[in-house]
Amino acid sequence: ISYTMQVRVMVDGKTHSETKTSDKKKFLEKWAAKRELELLEDGVLDEEKHKGTTVGKILEWYKADFDGDTKFGRSKLSNINFLLNHETFSKLDAVKLTTAELIAHGKYRQKVEKAGPSTINNDFIWLRNAMRAVQASRGIPTNIQALDDAVLLLRAEGVVARSEERERRPTLKELNSLLGYFSGGRSDLPMVDIVLFALFSARRQSEICRIQWEDVNLTRSDVKVAKMKHPRRKRDTYVKFTDEAQTIVDRQPKTSEKIFPYNSKTISTYFTKACKLLGIEDLHFHDLRHECTS
């Protein structure tokens, strides 16, 4: 003989039913009584309704709802896309996500994929942002608490950590080598002026390629940097030019609405290639900004 027990509850107009089959009647009666109480608890029906919503789906919605392909920063978008396409992590249930699953992801990234603590930390930062945003915009009850608990434990083990402050700055010898290399016509971009402008303006690579002629105020020797990076949001900001940066701007040909009408990724590629050929180790284009501010 086989028995089937059905539990059916309605809360705020939402109906949910579950069934279980067994040859033990008393077991089913106990299960039904316990399960009915569980389903009546706040938020449980929402969890059951959205159960099966994957981490990958949450990240997809996050990008779609907040125009991620155009408004997210390059590193943030790259990290989110990596998680979105991760073979195992993207398939986890975001609603029923457990601390153990998140810890396993962190340790897998560390041991198998050889990711550093700050990189793994970014995984959890962007996932948390996505979960909170989608919870607000679509009402998906994601398990953020499990994520916070996992990060706490992984930080204690050194699996995740904040980025270390970078102290690398170019030496005068390295700068002379780079400028000498680029002055030899090694690229179709005015890399000498671009490197010097970064060195004397402290502007980020992407900002350099966004500055327009109409944003330059020669009287005040300043310029409006569109969508300048900010701790809370990107916003248009006026910044002062040094005399050296102003001189470099003055000698650029006005062939476009932009002062440096180039692709920032191309600049990065040329700079990285030059460093490699010249034997300059661990120097990034962004380090020119550090040198200027220092």
Protein backbone atom coordinates (compact mmCIF):
# COMPACT_ATOMS: atom_id res chain seq x y z
CA ILE A 1 0.00 0.00 0.00
CA SER A 2 1.28 3.48 -0.91
CA TYR A 3 0.08 6.80 0.48
CA THR A 4 0.28 10.28 -1.01
CA MET A 5 0.01 13.38 1.15
CA GLN A 6 -0.61 16.87 -0.24
CA VAL A 7 0.16 20.11 1.58
CA ARG A 8 -1.58 23.18 0.20
CA VAL A 9 -1.31 26.66 1.69
CA MET A 10 -2.41 30.15 0.68
CA VAL A 11 -0.73 33.33 1.92
CA ASP A 12 -1.65 36.80 0.64
CA GLY A 13 -3.50 35.28 -2.29
CA LYS A 14 -0.56 33.07 -3.30
CA THR A 15 -1.19 29.34 -3.40
CA HIS A 16 1.48 26.71 -3.10
CA SER A 17 1.16 22.93 -2.99
CA GLU A 18 3.57 20.05 -2.49
CA THR A 19 3.09 16.29 -2.45
CA LYS A 20 5.06 13.40 -1.04
CA THR A 21 4.52 9.65 -1.42
CA SER A 22 5.50 6.86 0.98
CA ASP A 23 4.32 3.49 2.29
CA LYS A 24 4.44 4.93 5.83
CA LYS A 25 1.31 6.89 6.63
CA LYS A 26 2.46 8.30 10.01
CA PHE A 27 5.69 9.58 8.43
CA LEU A 28 3.64 11.50 5.84
CA GLU A 29 1.36 12.96 8.50
CA LYS A 30 4.36 14.27 10.46
CA TRP A 31 5.97 15.60 7.29
CA ALA A 32 2.76 17.41 6.28
CA ALA A 33 2.31 19.05 9.68
CA LYS A 34 5.92 20.24 9.76
CA ARG A 35 5.98 21.38 6.13
CA GLU A 36 2.76 23.36 6.46
CA LEU A 37 4.25 25.38 9.33
CA GLU A 38 7.44 25.98 7.34
CA LEU A 39 5.52 27.26 4.33
CA LEU A 40 3.54 29.70 6.47
CA GLU A 41 6.73 31.44 7.64
CA ASP A 42 7.46 34.86 6.13
CA GLY A 43 9.26 34.71 2.79
CA VAL A 44 9.21 30.94 2.39
CA LEU A 45 6.56 30.96 -0.36
CA ASP A 46 8.57 33.54 -2.30
CA GLU A 47 11.62 31.31 -2.04
CA GLU A 48 9.67 28.31 -3.30
CA LYS A 49 8.23 30.34 -6.16
CA HIS A 50 11.65 31.48 -7.37
CA LYS A 51 13.56 28.31 -6.50
CA GLY A 52 15.79 27.30 -9.39
CA THR A 53 16.73 30.84 -10.39
CA THR A 54 20.43 30.44 -11.13
CA VAL A 55 23.34 32.72 -10.29
CA GLY A 56 23.83 33.12 -14.04
CA LYS A 57 20.25 34.37 -14.43
CA ILE A 58 20.73 36.88 -11.62
CA LEU A 59 23.83 38.25 -13.36
CA GLU A 60 21.98 38.40 -16.70
CA TRP A 61 19.15 40.40 -15.13
CA TYR A 62 21.65 42.67 -13.36
CA LYS A 63 23.30 43.56 -16.67
CA ALA A 64 19.96 43.99 -18.45
CA ASP A 65 18.23 46.06 -15.75
CA PHE A 66 21.16 48.42 -15.23
CA ASP A 67 22.52 48.65 -18.80
CA GLY A 68 25.70 46.89 -17.78
CA ASP A 69 27.28 46.55 -21.22
CA THR A 70 27.63 50.33 -21.52
CA LYS A 71 27.52 51.63 -17.93
CA PHE A 72 29.62 49.12 -15.99
CA GLY A 73 33.37 49.70 -15.79
CA ARG A 74 35.65 47.53 -17.92
CA SER A 75 37.01 45.40 -15.05
CA LYS A 76 33.59 45.05 -13.41
CA LEU A 77 31.95 43.97 -16.67
CA SER A 78 34.76 41.53 -17.40
CA ASN A 79 34.41 39.94 -13.95
CA ILE A 80 30.62 39.67 -14.21
CA ASN A 81 30.88 38.08 -17.66
CA PHE A 82 33.42 35.60 -16.31
CA LEU A 83 31.02 34.52 -13.54
CA LEU A 84 28.11 34.51 -15.97
CA ASN A 85 29.92 31.98 -18.16
CA HIS A 86 31.50 29.97 -15.34
CA GLU A 87 30.70 26.32 -16.00
CA THR A 88 29.65 25.39 -12.45
CA PHE A 89 29.17 28.59 -10.48
CA SER A 90 26.64 30.13 -12.87
CA LYS A 91 24.36 27.09 -12.49
CA LEU A 92 23.98 27.33 -8.71
CA ASP A 93 20.53 28.16 -7.31
CA ALA A 94 20.74 31.81 -6.18
CA VAL A 95 17.66 31.48 -3.95
CA LYS A 96 18.81 28.31 -2.18
CA LEU A 97 22.50 29.24 -2.32
CA THR A 98 24.44 27.83 0.64
CA THR A 99 27.53 29.03 2.46
CA ALA A 100 29.20 25.71 1.67
CA GLU A 101 28.68 26.17 -2.10
CA LEU A 102 30.18 29.66 -2.00
CA ILE A 103 33.17 28.51 0.06
CA ALA A 104 33.73 25.69 -2.43
CA HIS A 105 33.73 28.23 -5.28
CA GLY A 106 36.29 30.40 -3.51
CA LYS A 107 38.63 27.49 -2.84
CA TYR A 108 38.23 26.14 -6.37
CA ARG A 109 39.17 29.54 -7.77
CA GLN A 110 42.22 29.61 -5.52
CA LYS A 111 43.51 26.05 -5.96
CA VAL A 112 42.44 25.09 -9.48
CA GLU A 113 42.12 28.38 -11.35
CA LYS A 114 45.03 29.99 -9.42
CA ALA A 115 43.11 33.23 -8.81
CA GLY A 116 44.49 35.64 -6.23
CA PRO A 117 42.67 36.73 -3.04
CA SER A 118 41.64 40.13 -4.43
CA THR A 119 40.34 38.56 -7.65
CA ILE A 120 38.22 36.06 -5.71
CA ASN A 121 37.04 38.88 -3.48
CA ASN A 122 35.79 40.71 -6.59
CA ASP A 123 33.71 37.64 -7.51
CA PHE A 124 31.77 38.00 -4.29
CA ILE A 125 31.58 41.81 -4.41
CA TRP A 126 29.94 41.86 -7.84
CA LEU A 127 27.71 38.88 -7.08
CA ARG A 128 26.49 40.60 -3.92
CA ASN A 129 25.76 43.79 -5.88
CA ALA A 130 23.83 41.78 -8.47
CA MET A 131 21.82 39.88 -5.84
CA ARG A 132 20.85 43.05 -3.99
CA ALA A 133 19.95 44.89 -7.19
CA VAL A 134 17.82 42.06 -8.62
CA GLN A 135 16.16 41.54 -5.25
CA ALA A 136 15.09 45.18 -5.36
CA SER A 137 14.17 45.40 -9.05
CA ARG A 138 12.54 41.99 -9.57
CA GLY A 139 11.66 40.82 -6.07
CA ILE A 140 13.87 37.71 -6.21
CA PRO A 141 14.65 36.59 -2.62
CA THR A 142 18.34 35.77 -3.09
CA ASN A 143 20.33 34.34 -0.18
CA ILE A 144 22.69 37.25 0.51
CA GLN A 145 23.28 36.08 4.08
CA ALA A 146 24.93 32.88 2.86
CA LEU A 147 27.29 34.98 0.73
CA ASP A 148 28.23 37.25 3.64
CA ASP A 149 28.90 34.22 5.87
CA ALA A 150 31.08 32.61 3.20
CA VAL A 151 33.16 35.75 2.69
CA LEU A 152 33.70 36.05 6.44
CA LEU A 153 35.06 32.51 6.65
CA LEU A 154 37.11 32.75 3.45
CA ARG A 155 38.70 36.00 4.61
CA ALA A 156 39.80 34.31 7.84
CA GLU A 157 41.53 31.65 5.74
CA GLY A 158 43.17 34.18 3.43
CA VAL A 159 41.27 32.97 0.37
CA VAL A 160 39.76 36.42 -0.19
CA ALA A 161 41.31 39.78 0.60
CA ARG A 162 41.20 43.38 -0.51
CA SER A 163 43.58 44.52 -3.25
CA GLU A 164 47.02 45.48 -2.04
CA GLU A 165 48.09 49.04 -2.71
CA ARG A 166 50.31 49.18 -5.77
CA GLU A 167 53.55 51.09 -5.26
CA ARG A 168 55.18 50.54 -8.66
CA ARG A 169 56.37 53.76 -10.28
CA PRO A 170 58.42 54.20 -13.48
CA THR A 171 62.07 55.16 -13.12
CA LEU A 172 63.59 57.96 -15.18
CA LYS A 173 65.60 55.35 -17.08
CA GLU A 174 62.44 53.39 -17.94
CA LEU A 175 60.63 56.53 -19.09
CA ASN A 176 63.58 57.50 -21.31
CA SER A 177 63.59 54.01 -22.83
CA LEU A 178 59.84 54.13 -23.53
CA LEU A 179 59.90 57.62 -25.02
CA GLY A 180 62.92 56.71 -27.14
CA TYR A 181 61.16 53.58 -28.37
CA PHE A 182 57.95 55.42 -29.31
CA SER A 183 59.77 58.38 -30.89
CA GLY A 184 61.20 55.93 -33.42
CA GLY A 185 57.83 55.67 -35.16
CA ARG A 186 56.97 52.30 -33.66
CA SER A 187 53.20 52.96 -33.70
CA ASP A 188 50.57 54.89 -35.64
CA LEU A 189 49.51 56.70 -32.45
CA PRO A 190 51.34 59.70 -30.94
CA MET A 191 52.42 57.52 -28.01
CA VAL A 192 55.13 59.96 -26.88
CA ASP A 193 52.54 62.69 -26.28
CA ILE A 194 50.03 60.23 -24.81
CA VAL A 195 52.58 58.89 -22.31
CA LEU A 196 53.73 62.41 -21.39
CA PHE A 197 50.15 63.64 -21.06
CA ALA A 198 49.33 60.75 -18.69
CA LEU A 199 52.50 61.52 -16.76
CA PHE A 200 51.71 65.23 -16.35
CA SER A 201 47.90 65.17 -16.09
CA ALA A 202 47.21 62.13 -13.83
CA ARG A 203 44.34 61.22 -16.11
CA ARG A 204 43.25 57.62 -16.48
CA GLN A 205 43.69 55.85 -19.80
CA SER A 206 39.96 55.87 -20.63
CA GLU A 207 39.63 59.53 -19.57
CA ILE A 208 42.43 60.61 -21.92
CA CYS A 209 40.53 59.19 -24.87
CA ARG A 210 37.27 60.91 -23.84
CA ILE A 211 38.48 64.52 -23.39
CA GLN A 212 37.02 66.84 -26.05
CA TRP A 213 38.34 70.18 -27.34
CA GLU A 214 35.16 71.97 -26.29
CA ASP A 215 35.74 70.85 -22.70
CA VAL A 216 39.10 72.64 -22.45
CA ASN A 217 39.11 76.08 -20.83
CA LEU A 218 42.34 77.81 -21.80
CA THR A 219 41.67 80.80 -19.54
CA ARG A 220 41.45 78.68 -16.42
CA SER A 221 43.79 75.93 -17.69
CA ASP A 222 41.32 73.24 -16.77
CA VAL A 223 39.24 70.62 -18.54
CA LYS A 224 35.95 68.82 -18.00
CA VAL A 225 36.49 65.06 -17.71
CA ALA A 226 33.24 63.34 -18.68
CA LYS A 227 32.07 60.49 -16.44
CA MET A 228 35.13 60.69 -14.20
CA LYS A 229 35.47 57.75 -11.84
CA HIS A 230 34.08 58.41 -8.36
CA PRO A 231 33.64 56.18 -5.27
CA ARG A 232 29.84 56.30 -5.56
CA ARG A 233 29.07 57.25 -9.17
CA LYS A 234 30.70 58.55 -12.35
CA ARG A 235 30.21 62.25 -12.90
CA ASP A 236 31.55 65.09 -15.05
CA THR A 237 34.39 66.81 -13.18
CA TYR A 238 36.61 69.83 -13.89
CA VAL A 239 40.31 69.25 -13.27
CA LYS A 240 43.32 71.56 -13.58
CA PHE A 241 46.00 71.13 -16.22
CA THR A 242 49.65 71.35 -15.27
CA ASP A 243 51.72 73.62 -17.54
CA GLU A 244 53.30 70.53 -19.12
CA ALA A 245 49.92 68.90 -19.82
CA GLN A 246 48.62 72.16 -21.34
CA THR A 247 51.66 72.35 -23.64
CA ILE A 248 51.03 68.80 -24.87
CA VAL A 249 47.35 69.60 -25.55
CA ASP A 250 48.25 72.78 -27.45
CA ARG A 251 50.35 70.86 -29.97
CA GLN A 252 47.72 68.25 -30.86
CA PRO A 253 46.13 68.59 -34.32
CA LYS A 254 42.40 69.34 -34.30
CA THR A 255 41.31 66.47 -36.53
CA SER A 256 38.48 65.32 -34.28
CA GLU A 257 36.17 66.55 -31.54
CA LYS A 258 38.46 64.67 -29.15
CA ILE A 259 41.99 65.69 -28.26
CA PHE A 260 43.21 62.08 -28.34
CA PRO A 261 40.71 60.30 -30.63
CA TYR A 262 42.05 56.79 -30.04
CA ASN A 263 40.93 53.51 -28.53
CA SER A 264 42.16 53.20 -24.95
CA LYS A 265 42.68 49.44 -25.40
CA THR A 266 44.99 50.10 -28.35
CA ILE A 267 47.06 52.46 -26.20
CA SER A 268 47.30 49.75 -23.54
CA THR A 269 48.38 47.17 -26.13
CA TYR A 270 51.17 49.41 -27.50
CA PHE A 271 52.41 50.30 -24.02
CA THR A 272 52.45 46.68 -22.82
CA LYS A 273 54.24 45.53 -25.98
CA ALA A 274 56.89 48.24 -25.61
CA CYS A 275 57.56 47.31 -21.98
CA LYS A 276 57.97 43.67 -22.96
CA LEU A 277 60.40 44.44 -25.80
CA LEU A 278 62.42 46.82 -23.59
CA GLY A 279 62.56 44.35 -20.70
CA ILE A 280 60.61 46.64 -18.36
CA GLU A 281 58.84 44.37 -15.88
CA ASP A 282 55.56 44.93 -14.04
CA LEU A 283 54.88 48.44 -15.33
CA HIS A 284 51.30 49.40 -16.23
CA PHE A 285 50.07 52.47 -18.10
CA HIS A 286 48.09 53.35 -14.96
CA ASP A 287 51.40 53.66 -13.07
CA LEU A 288 52.01 56.91 -14.97
CA ARG A 289 49.06 58.34 -13.06
CA HIS A 290 50.61 57.16 -9.78
CA GLU A 291 53.86 58.88 -10.75
CA CYS A 292 52.08 62.16 -11.43
CA THR A 293 50.11 62.19 -8.19
CA SER A 294 53.20 61.18 -6.21
